[in-house]
């Protein structure tokens, strides 16, 4: 898979937020921003793969769709395609990075939660009151995913001083 070598996590964040405002759900918005900014030579269907993960997975209110999108994106970069069992170093790394994202997001969102129902409990979902918060969380996750990918692959972070 070809990967762009110089990335701005802030641009990934802004693009994910714009993608959400323009009509994608959280999960799709994040995956699209990662795919586009890293200039991945993967089909658009990776975005479609994320469609059902929004609003806590099919509107179930379970795990936040932005976090789900981040996990899918990390899997795209660090996941495996071979059946090598649970001890496979590749899957172990992917699990470690996923856990890092999960724990970071839980703390960073200020609500100490990853459950969509809890993150949006003060909003009337039917009226769309949650949307600005969800846009923010989508951008936040997109930024962190880009940051992890850059760090792990040794890419150039365009947002770092002196880059």
C-alpha atoms as a PDB file:
ATOM      1  CA  UNK A   1       0.000   0.000   0.000  1.00  0.00           C
ATOM      2  CA  UNK A   2       1.392   3.380  -0.986  1.00  0.00           C
ATOM      3  CA  UNK A   3       1.386   5.977   1.796  1.00  0.00           C
ATOM      4  CA  UNK A   4       2.081   9.711   1.617  1.00  0.00           C
ATOM      5  CA  UNK A   5       5.219  10.460   3.621  1.00  0.00           C
ATOM      6  CA  UNK A   6       4.349  13.956   4.905  1.00  0.00           C
ATOM      7  CA  UNK A   7       1.107  14.451   6.835  1.00  0.00           C
ATOM      8  CA  UNK A   8      -0.560  17.218   8.809  1.00  0.00           C
ATOM      9  CA  UNK A   9      -2.666  15.695  11.616  1.00  0.00           C
ATOM     10  CA  UNK A  10      -4.410  19.078  11.953  1.00  0.00           C
ATOM     11  CA  UNK A  11      -5.512  18.838   8.311  1.00  0.00           C
ATOM     12  CA  UNK A  12      -6.700  15.262   8.876  1.00  0.00           C
ATOM     13  CA  UNK A  13      -8.730  16.588  11.816  1.00  0.00           C
ATOM     14  CA  UNK A  14     -10.197  19.474   9.805  1.00  0.00           C
ATOM     15  CA  UNK A  15     -11.034  17.197   6.869  1.00  0.00           C
ATOM     16  CA  UNK A  16     -12.764  14.667   9.127  1.00  0.00           C
ATOM     17  CA  UNK A  17     -14.847  17.449  10.654  1.00  0.00           C
ATOM     18  CA  UNK A  18     -15.706  18.821   7.200  1.00  0.00           C
ATOM     19  CA  UNK A  19     -16.597  15.332   5.957  1.00  0.00           C
ATOM     20  CA  UNK A  20     -19.059  15.009   8.838  1.00  0.00           C
ATOM     21  CA  UNK A  21     -20.579  18.450   8.181  1.00  0.00           C
ATOM     22  CA  UNK A  22     -20.878  17.594   4.478  1.00  0.00           C
ATOM     23  CA  UNK A  23     -22.937  14.451   5.047  1.00  0.00           C
ATOM     24  CA  UNK A  24     -20.885  11.511   6.287  1.00  0.00           C
ATOM     25  CA  UNK A  25     -21.469   9.944   9.663  1.00  0.00           C
ATOM     26  CA  UNK A  26     -18.619  10.143  12.190  1.00  0.00           C
ATOM     27  CA  UNK A  27     -17.023   6.828  11.291  1.00  0.00           C
ATOM     28  CA  UNK A  28     -17.173   7.398   7.535  1.00  0.00           C
ATOM     29  CA  UNK A  29     -15.847  10.946   7.929  1.00  0.00           C
ATOM     30  CA  UNK A  30     -12.787   9.751   9.820  1.00  0.00           C
ATOM     31  CA  UNK A  31     -11.984   6.865   7.479  1.00  0.00           C
ATOM     32  CA  UNK A  32     -12.365   9.136   4.435  1.00  0.00           C
ATOM     33  CA  UNK A  33     -10.051  11.763   5.956  1.00  0.00           C
ATOM     34  CA  UNK A  34      -7.388   9.147   6.702  1.00  0.00           C
ATOM     35  CA  UNK A  35      -7.697   7.559   3.245  1.00  0.00           C
ATOM     36  CA  UNK A  36      -7.501  10.905   1.452  1.00  0.00           C
ATOM     37  CA  UNK A  37      -4.780  12.589   3.503  1.00  0.00           C
ATOM     38  CA  UNK A  38      -2.469   9.585   3.482  1.00  0.00           C
ATOM     39  CA  UNK A  39      -3.270   9.191  -0.238  1.00  0.00           C
ATOM     40  CA  UNK A  40      -3.885   5.483   0.181  1.00  0.00           C
ATOM     41  CA  UNK A  41      -4.280   3.401  -2.929  1.00  0.00           C
ATOM     42  CA  UNK A  42      -7.285   1.567  -1.513  1.00  0.00           C
ATOM     43  CA  UNK A  43     -10.808   1.633  -2.949  1.00  0.00           C
ATOM     44  CA  UNK A  44     -13.501   4.021  -1.703  1.00  0.00           C
ATOM     45  CA  UNK A  45     -15.262   0.940  -0.360  1.00  0.00           C
ATOM     46  CA  UNK A  46     -13.156   1.233   2.800  1.00  0.00           C
ATOM     47  CA  UNK A  47     -15.364   4.242   3.558  1.00  0.00           C
ATOM     48  CA  UNK A  48     -18.483   2.184   2.899  1.00  0.00           C
ATOM     49  CA  UNK A  49     -17.127  -0.442   5.286  1.00  0.00           C
ATOM     50  CA  UNK A  50     -17.468   2.169   8.040  1.00  0.00           C
ATOM     51  CA  UNK A  51     -21.092   3.135   7.335  1.00  0.00           C
ATOM     52  CA  UNK A  52     -22.695   0.749   9.795  1.00  0.00           C
ATOM     53  CA  UNK A  53     -20.381   1.685  12.650  1.00  0.00           C
ATOM     54  CA  UNK A  54     -21.892   5.151  13.184  1.00  0.00           C
ATOM     55  CA  UNK A  55     -24.033   6.262  16.124  1.00  0.00           C
ATOM     56  CA  UNK A  56     -22.571   3.554  18.301  1.00  0.00           C
ATOM     57  CA  UNK A  57     -22.813   0.792  15.655  1.00  0.00           C
ATOM     58  CA  UNK A  58     -26.038   0.904  13.702  1.00  0.00           C
ATOM     59  CA  UNK A  59     -27.642   3.465  16.019  1.00  0.00           C
ATOM     60  CA  UNK A  60     -27.333   1.048  18.945  1.00  0.00           C
ATOM     61  CA  UNK A  61     -25.615   3.690  21.066  1.00  0.00           C
ATOM     62  CA  UNK A  62     -22.684   1.446  21.906  1.00  0.00           C
ATOM     63  CA  UNK A  63     -19.077   2.422  21.175  1.00  0.00           C
ATOM     64  CA  UNK A  64     -18.654   5.892  19.650  1.00  0.00           C
ATOM     65  CA  UNK A  65     -18.581   5.798  15.852  1.00  0.00           C
ATOM     66  CA  UNK A  66     -15.601   8.153  15.685  1.00  0.00           C
ATOM     67  CA  UNK A  67     -13.638   5.720  17.837  1.00  0.00           C
ATOM     68  CA  UNK A  68     -14.892   2.840  15.686  1.00  0.00           C
ATOM     69  CA  UNK A  69     -13.598   4.669  12.606  1.00  0.00           C
ATOM     70  CA  UNK A  70     -10.256   5.199  14.262  1.00  0.00           C
ATOM     71  CA  UNK A  71      -9.998   1.511  15.056  1.00  0.00           C
ATOM     72  CA  UNK A  72     -10.845   0.605  11.454  1.00  0.00           C
ATOM     73  CA  UNK A  73      -8.200   3.041  10.196  1.00  0.00           C
ATOM     74  CA  UNK A  74      -5.553   1.600  12.517  1.00  0.00           C
ATOM     75  CA  UNK A  75      -6.484  -1.868  11.284  1.00  0.00           C
ATOM     76  CA  UNK A  76      -6.024  -0.737   7.698  1.00  0.00           C
ATOM     77  CA  UNK A  77      -2.427   0.241   8.492  1.00  0.00           C
ATOM     78  CA  UNK A  78      -1.444  -2.273  11.161  1.00  0.00           C
ATOM     79  CA  UNK A  79      -3.934  -5.138  10.908  1.00  0.00           C
ATOM     80  CA  UNK A  80      -3.273  -8.522   9.407  1.00  0.00           C
ATOM     81  CA  UNK A  81      -4.572 -10.652   6.581  1.00  0.00           C
ATOM     82  CA  UNK A  82      -3.009 -13.970   7.565  1.00  0.00           C
ATOM     83  CA  UNK A  83      -4.313 -16.505  10.094  1.00  0.00           C
ATOM     84  CA  UNK A  84      -1.417 -16.692  12.523  1.00  0.00           C
ATOM     85  CA  UNK A  85      -3.231 -16.935  15.837  1.00  0.00           C
ATOM     86  CA  UNK A  86      -3.454 -14.553  18.789  1.00  0.00           C
ATOM     87  CA  UNK A  87       0.316 -14.443  19.350  1.00  0.00           C
ATOM     88  CA  UNK A  88       1.030 -12.966  15.912  1.00  0.00           C
ATOM     89  CA  UNK A  89       3.210  -9.865  16.498  1.00  0.00           C
ATOM     90  CA  UNK A  90       1.326  -7.945  13.805  1.00  0.00           C
ATOM     91  CA  UNK A  91      -2.054  -8.390  15.493  1.00  0.00           C
ATOM     92  CA  UNK A  92      -0.508  -7.737  18.888  1.00  0.00           C
ATOM     93  CA  UNK A  93       0.781  -4.372  17.663  1.00  0.00           C
ATOM     94  CA  UNK A  94      -2.597  -3.490  16.154  1.00  0.00           C
ATOM     95  CA  UNK A  95      -4.324  -4.381  19.435  1.00  0.00           C
ATOM     96  CA  UNK A  96      -1.828  -2.275  21.409  1.00  0.00           C
ATOM     97  CA  UNK A  97      -2.373   0.760  19.171  1.00  0.00           C
ATOM     98  CA  UNK A  98      -6.154   0.290  19.326  1.00  0.00           C
ATOM     99  CA  UNK A  99      -5.976   0.186  23.110  1.00  0.00           C
ATOM    100  CA  UNK A 100      -3.866   3.357  23.085  1.00  0.00           C
ATOM    101  CA  UNK A 101      -6.490   5.141  20.977  1.00  0.00           C
ATOM    102  CA  UNK A 102      -9.343   3.862  23.158  1.00  0.00           C
ATOM    103  CA  UNK A 103      -7.761   4.953  26.428  1.00  0.00           C
ATOM    104  CA  UNK A 104      -6.659   8.307  25.001  1.00  0.00           C
ATOM    105  CA  UNK A 105     -10.124   9.101  23.614  1.00  0.00           C
ATOM    106  CA  UNK A 106     -11.835   8.071  26.845  1.00  0.00           C
ATOM    107  CA  UNK A 107      -9.715  10.572  28.763  1.00  0.00           C
ATOM    108  CA  UNK A 108      -9.493  13.303  26.105  1.00  0.00           C
ATOM    109  CA  UNK A 109     -13.235  13.657  25.437  1.00  0.00           C
ATOM    110  CA  UNK A 110     -13.739  14.883  28.999  1.00  0.00           C
ATOM    111  CA  UNK A 111     -16.557  12.448  29.739  1.00  0.00           C
ATOM    112  CA  UNK A 112     -14.465   9.408  30.707  1.00  0.00           C
ATOM    113  CA  UNK A 113     -16.538   7.259  28.359  1.00  0.00           C
ATOM    114  CA  UNK A 114     -16.515   5.716  24.893  1.00  0.00           C
ATOM    115  CA  UNK A 115     -20.191   4.725  24.782  1.00  0.00           C
ATOM    116  CA  UNK A 116     -22.229   6.861  22.371  1.00  0.00           C
ATOM    117  CA  UNK A 117     -25.240   6.749  24.719  1.00  0.00           C
ATOM    118  CA  UNK A 118     -23.177   8.223  27.558  1.00  0.00           C
ATOM    119  CA  UNK A 119     -21.331  10.734  25.381  1.00  0.00           C
ATOM    120  CA  UNK A 120     -24.624  12.112  24.056  1.00  0.00           C
ATOM    121  CA  UNK A 121     -26.991  11.580  27.011  1.00  0.00           C
ATOM    122  CA  UNK A 122     -27.631  15.302  27.554  1.00  0.00           C
ATOM    123  CA  UNK A 123     -28.725  15.802  23.945  1.00  0.00           C
ATOM    124  CA  UNK A 124     -31.985  15.139  22.114  1.00  0.00           C
ATOM    125  CA  UNK A 125     -30.623  12.970  19.294  1.00  0.00           C
ATOM    126  CA  UNK A 126     -33.832  13.395  17.282  1.00  0.00           C
ATOM    127  CA  UNK A 127     -33.233  17.134  17.120  1.00  0.00           C
ATOM    128  CA  UNK A 128     -29.586  16.806  16.118  1.00  0.00           C
ATOM    129  CA  UNK A 129     -28.348  18.632  19.220  1.00  0.00           C
ATOM    130  CA  UNK A 130     -25.392  16.259  19.482  1.00  0.00           C
ATOM    131  CA  UNK A 131     -23.951  17.020  16.049  1.00  0.00           C
ATOM    132  CA  UNK A 132     -21.369  19.687  16.986  1.00  0.00           C
ATOM    133  CA  UNK A 133     -20.003  17.546  19.795  1.00  0.00           C
ATOM    134  CA  UNK A 134     -19.835  14.533  17.492  1.00  0.00           C
ATOM    135  CA  UNK A 135     -18.060  16.574  14.811  1.00  0.00           C
ATOM    136  CA  UNK A 136     -15.518  17.610  17.441  1.00  0.00           C
ATOM    137  CA  UNK A 137     -15.027  14.019  18.646  1.00  0.00           C
ATOM    138  CA  UNK A 138     -14.613  12.835  15.044  1.00  0.00           C
ATOM    139  CA  UNK A 139     -11.887  15.407  14.428  1.00  0.00           C
ATOM    140  CA  UNK A 140     -10.244  14.587  17.740  1.00  0.00           C
ATOM    141  CA  UNK A 141     -10.064  10.867  16.911  1.00  0.00           C
ATOM    142  CA  UNK A 142      -8.886  11.555  13.366  1.00  0.00           C
ATOM    143  CA  UNK A 143      -6.063  13.725  14.713  1.00  0.00           C
ATOM    144  CA  UNK A 144      -4.940  11.029  17.151  1.00  0.00           C
ATOM    145  CA  UNK A 145      -5.118   8.247  14.555  1.00  0.00           C
ATOM    146  CA  UNK A 146      -2.988  10.318  12.172  1.00  0.00           C
ATOM    147  CA  UNK A 147      -0.553  11.027  14.999  1.00  0.00           C
ATOM    148  CA  UNK A 148      -0.234   7.314  15.837  1.00  0.00           C
ATOM    149  CA  UNK A 149       0.264   6.328  12.184  1.00  0.00           C
ATOM    150  CA  UNK A 150       2.898   9.026  11.666  1.00  0.00           C
ATOM    151  CA  UNK A 151       4.758   7.967  14.803  1.00  0.00           C
ATOM    152  CA  UNK A 152       4.629   4.249  14.069  1.00  0.00           C
ATOM    153  CA  UNK A 153       5.613   4.530  10.402  1.00  0.00           C
ATOM    154  CA  UNK A 154       8.224   7.246  10.921  1.00  0.00           C
ATOM    155  CA  UNK A 155       6.466   9.693   8.609  1.00  0.00           C
ATOM    156  CA  UNK A 156       6.988  13.457   8.626  1.00  0.00           C
ATOM    157  CA  UNK A 157       4.510  15.322  10.845  1.00  0.00           C
ATOM    158  CA  UNK A 158       4.013  18.668   9.123  1.00  0.00           C
ATOM    159  CA  UNK A 159       2.551  20.187  12.312  1.00  0.00           C
ATOM    160  CA  UNK A 160       5.687  19.717  14.391  1.00  0.00           C
ATOM    161  CA  UNK A 161       7.978  22.721  14.792  1.00  0.00           C
ATOM    162  CA  UNK A 162      10.909  22.552  12.424  1.00  0.00           C
ATOM    163  CA  UNK A 163       9.258  20.002  10.145  1.00  0.00           C
END
